[in-house]
Protein backbone atom coordinates (compact mmCIF):
# COMPACT_ATOMS: atom_id res chain seq x y z
CA UNK A 1 100.89 106.86 103.40
CA UNK A 2 97.35 107.13 101.81
CA UNK A 3 94.68 106.69 104.38
CA UNK A 4 92.28 104.09 103.48
CA UNK A 5 89.53 105.04 101.00
CA UNK A 6 91.14 108.53 100.11
CA UNK A 7 91.17 108.02 96.33
CA UNK A 8 87.38 107.26 96.48
CA UNK A 9 86.45 110.96 97.44
CA UNK A 10 89.20 112.32 94.99
CA UNK A 11 87.58 113.54 91.81
CA UNK A 12 90.84 113.73 90.20
CA UNK A 13 91.21 109.92 90.77
CA UNK A 14 89.65 107.23 88.75
CA UNK A 15 89.56 104.98 92.08
CA UNK A 16 86.56 104.25 93.86
CA UNK A 17 84.33 105.32 90.90
CA UNK A 18 81.85 104.12 88.42
CA UNK A 19 83.08 105.40 85.09
CA UNK A 20 81.18 105.94 82.02
CA UNK A 21 83.06 106.43 78.66
CA UNK A 22 82.38 105.67 74.90
CA UNK A 23 84.67 102.59 74.07
CA UNK A 24 85.65 103.93 70.58
CA UNK A 25 88.76 106.15 69.32
CA UNK A 26 88.04 109.79 69.91
CA UNK A 27 90.50 112.56 69.01
CA UNK A 28 93.28 110.57 69.35
CA UNK A 29 92.40 109.18 72.80
CA UNK A 30 91.37 105.58 72.93
CA UNK A 31 88.00 106.14 74.15
CA UNK A 32 85.43 109.40 74.07
CA UNK A 33 83.41 110.99 76.86
CA UNK A 34 79.94 111.34 76.98
CA UNK A 35 78.56 114.89 76.99
CA UNK A 36 76.28 114.20 79.95
CA UNK A 37 78.95 112.87 82.14
CA UNK A 38 78.48 114.76 85.62
CA UNK A 39 82.04 116.20 85.76
CA UNK A 40 82.13 117.45 82.35
CA UNK A 41 83.06 121.24 82.21
CA UNK A 42 83.67 121.29 85.98
CA UNK A 43 86.50 120.42 88.52
CA UNK A 44 86.63 116.47 88.60
CA UNK A 45 87.67 113.83 85.71
CA UNK A 46 85.43 113.66 82.79
CA UNK A 47 85.28 109.82 83.17
CA UNK A 48 83.54 109.70 86.55
CA UNK A 49 79.83 108.84 86.79
CA UNK A 50 79.50 108.34 90.45
CA UNK A 51 82.05 108.20 93.40
CA UNK A 52 82.77 107.19 97.17
CA UNK A 53 82.63 103.61 96.55
CA UNK A 54 84.88 101.27 98.10
CA UNK A 55 84.99 98.15 95.99
CA UNK A 56 81.97 97.97 93.87
CA UNK A 57 81.53 93.98 93.35
CA UNK A 58 79.61 94.09 91.08
CA UNK A 59 77.07 96.55 89.53
CA UNK A 60 73.98 95.73 87.22
CA UNK A 61 71.34 97.60 85.25
CA UNK A 62 67.42 96.86 85.36
CA UNK A 63 64.90 99.17 83.60
CA UNK A 64 66.71 102.47 83.99
CA UNK A 65 68.29 101.91 87.45
CA UNK A 66 71.79 101.01 88.42
CA UNK A 67 72.54 98.79 91.11
CA UNK A 68 75.76 98.64 92.94
CA UNK A 69 76.85 96.28 95.69
CA UNK A 70 80.08 97.84 97.62
CA UNK A 71 82.18 95.61 99.80
CA UNK A 72 82.86 97.24 103.24
CA UNK A 73 85.91 97.73 105.04
CA UNK A 74 85.33 95.54 108.10
CA UNK A 75 81.62 96.05 109.45
CA UNK A 76 79.09 96.23 106.90
CA UNK A 77 78.20 95.52 103.38
CA UNK A 78 75.87 97.86 101.23
CA UNK A 79 73.53 97.86 97.80
CA UNK A 80 72.98 100.84 96.39
CA UNK A 81 69.78 101.29 93.57
CA UNK A 82 68.83 104.33 92.24
CA UNK A 83 67.42 105.55 88.67
CA UNK A 84 70.49 106.11 86.38
CA UNK A 85 69.72 110.07 86.27
CA UNK A 86 69.57 110.36 89.76
CA UNK A 87 73.08 108.46 90.36
CA UNK A 88 74.73 110.70 88.16
CA UNK A 89 77.35 112.69 90.11
CA UNK A 90 76.27 111.03 93.22
CA UNK A 91 78.65 110.60 96.29
CA UNK A 92 77.96 106.87 97.73
CA UNK A 93 79.81 107.99 101.12
CA UNK A 94 83.25 106.00 101.33
CA UNK A 95 85.35 106.83 103.43
CA UNK A 96 83.16 109.00 105.45
CA UNK A 97 80.56 106.42 105.64
CA UNK A 98 81.05 102.22 105.64
CA UNK A 99 77.48 101.63 104.79
CA UNK A 100 75.17 103.52 107.09
CA UNK A 101 77.95 103.64 109.71
CA UNK A 102 80.33 106.71 110.21
CA UNK A 103 84.11 105.41 109.25
CA UNK A 104 85.81 108.64 109.30
CA UNK A 105 83.68 111.80 110.01
CA UNK A 106 87.03 114.15 108.93
CA UNK A 107 86.97 112.87 105.50
CA UNK A 108 83.70 114.06 103.66
CA UNK A 109 83.33 113.95 99.80
CA UNK A 110 82.68 117.18 97.94
CA UNK A 111 78.99 116.48 97.86
CA UNK A 112 76.82 115.37 100.77
CA UNK A 113 76.65 111.21 101.00
CA UNK A 114 73.85 109.32 99.55
CA UNK A 115 72.96 106.26 101.79
CA UNK A 116 72.62 102.67 100.64
CA UNK A 117 69.30 101.12 100.15
CA UNK A 118 70.49 97.66 101.99
CA UNK A 119 73.25 97.08 104.50
CA UNK A 120 74.08 93.86 106.45
CA UNK A 121 76.71 93.26 109.04
CA UNK A 122 79.57 90.65 109.71
CA UNK A 123 77.36 88.46 111.81
CA UNK A 124 77.22 84.54 111.00
CA UNK A 125 80.32 84.55 108.97
CA UNK A 126 79.35 86.93 106.35
CA UNK A 127 82.28 89.33 104.92
CA UNK A 128 81.99 90.37 101.53
CA UNK A 129 78.94 91.10 99.11
CA UNK A 130 78.55 89.72 95.78
CA UNK A 131 76.30 91.70 93.81
CA UNK A 132 73.80 90.46 91.38
CA UNK A 133 70.59 91.30 89.75
CA UNK A 134 67.09 92.21 89.80
CA UNK A 135 65.66 88.74 88.58
CA UNK A 136 63.32 89.22 85.60
CA UNK A 137 63.44 85.25 84.24
CA UNK A 138 59.84 84.27 84.19
CA UNK A 139 60.41 80.80 84.94
CA UNK A 140 61.50 81.88 88.61
CA UNK A 141 58.30 83.67 89.79
CA UNK A 142 59.23 83.20 93.59
CA UNK A 143 62.45 85.57 92.65
CA UNK A 144 60.72 87.59 89.95
CA UNK A 145 61.50 91.34 90.85
CA UNK A 146 63.76 90.78 93.61
CA UNK A 147 67.41 91.70 93.93
CA UNK A 148 69.55 88.38 94.11
CA UNK A 149 73.00 88.95 95.77
CA UNK A 150 75.18 86.49 97.81
CA UNK A 151 78.33 86.76 100.09
CA UNK A 152 81.85 85.47 99.35
CA UNK A 153 82.77 84.03 102.64
CA UNK A 154 79.29 81.92 103.35
CA UNK A 155 78.39 81.45 99.72
CA UNK A 156 74.74 81.77 100.61
CA UNK A 157 72.76 83.37 98.18
CA UNK A 158 69.62 85.58 99.38
CA UNK A 159 67.35 88.27 97.81
CA UNK A 160 65.26 91.17 99.03
CA UNK A 161 62.49 93.16 97.32
CA UNK A 162 63.66 96.89 96.45
CA UNK A 163 59.84 98.49 97.19
CA UNK A 164 59.08 102.21 96.66
CA UNK A 165 56.84 103.73 99.66
CA UNK A 166 54.06 105.26 97.48
CA UNK A 167 53.21 108.05 99.94
CA UNK A 168 56.87 109.33 100.19
CA UNK A 169 58.69 107.86 96.97
CA UNK A 170 61.40 106.37 99.46
CA UNK A 171 62.90 103.14 98.44
CA UNK A 172 63.49 100.61 100.83
CA UNK A 173 64.53 96.84 101.15
CA UNK A 174 62.16 94.51 102.06
CA UNK A 175 61.74 90.57 102.85
CA UNK A 176 65.52 89.59 102.75
CA UNK A 177 65.42 86.00 102.83
CA UNK A 178 68.00 83.05 101.85
CA UNK A 179 67.17 81.71 98.10
CA UNK A 180 67.94 78.35 99.48
CA UNK A 181 71.12 77.82 97.72
CA UNK A 182 74.82 78.04 98.84
CA UNK A 183 77.82 77.94 96.71
CA UNK A 184 81.05 78.25 98.52
CA UNK A 185 83.55 80.72 97.22
CA UNK A 186 81.11 82.51 95.35
CA UNK A 187 82.75 84.91 93.28
CA UNK A 188 80.06 86.57 90.78
CA UNK A 189 76.49 86.45 88.95
CA UNK A 190 75.56 86.72 85.36
CA UNK A 191 72.43 87.10 83.44
CA UNK A 192 71.88 85.63 79.94
CA UNK A 193 69.28 84.89 77.20
CA UNK A 194 65.62 85.18 78.74
CA UNK A 195 66.70 86.68 82.03
CA UNK A 196 68.31 83.37 83.17
CA UNK A 197 70.46 83.91 86.09
CA UNK A 198 73.96 82.27 86.68
CA UNK A 199 76.29 82.12 89.37
CA UNK A 200 80.12 81.20 89.58
CA UNK A 201 82.69 79.99 92.03
CA UNK A 202 86.28 80.93 92.30
CA UNK A 203 86.82 77.36 91.53
CA UNK A 204 85.79 77.76 87.93
CA UNK A 205 82.16 76.13 88.05
CA UNK A 206 79.44 78.13 86.81
CA UNK A 207 75.75 77.40 87.78
CA UNK A 208 72.43 78.23 86.36
CA UNK A 209 69.35 78.88 88.57
CA UNK A 210 66.34 76.97 87.11
CA UNK A 211 62.96 76.46 88.67
CA UNK A 212 62.38 73.08 90.86
CA UNK A 213 61.66 69.96 88.97
């Protein structure tokens, strides 16, 4: 039996990875491979862009950055936020780490782990992160520039500021607060025209975040 998370550190498996392809037929194959992918010409599947993820739910882009929310095994949920160029070839740690906690020290990835920007534990009934977006909707000034996310078990929507420390260039998450919205059985977020943010429930209902009247 394969140990939990083993495919995520295996560069010959596509599981537990972020993949990057060209979605057009190339050389008789259903898709092509960007020449700049990190494992082209070296050991590992050419499709892989980053690895060491348990269950990314979901990922999004913002001004040259990628934000990846990764559902934990049982203790921590995490958000990774990096410039696209810095995320290329990165090992996000699973199964050696769950969030910033050691899960199995005997199973490191081929590269040193990159730790998440933000983690939270399973207190207060939270259990599985639902990743969202950095808000750019000008009609939501209180959320503008904040990373919006939720939790599947509580349905609570929250946000934090991804902040870069000027002196060191280190990124930290600050002011993690509730957005004042709870949607039971929250399942995903979306972004539409003008940066409008949408949230969907497993029941099939879709909601749009609008400013107060």
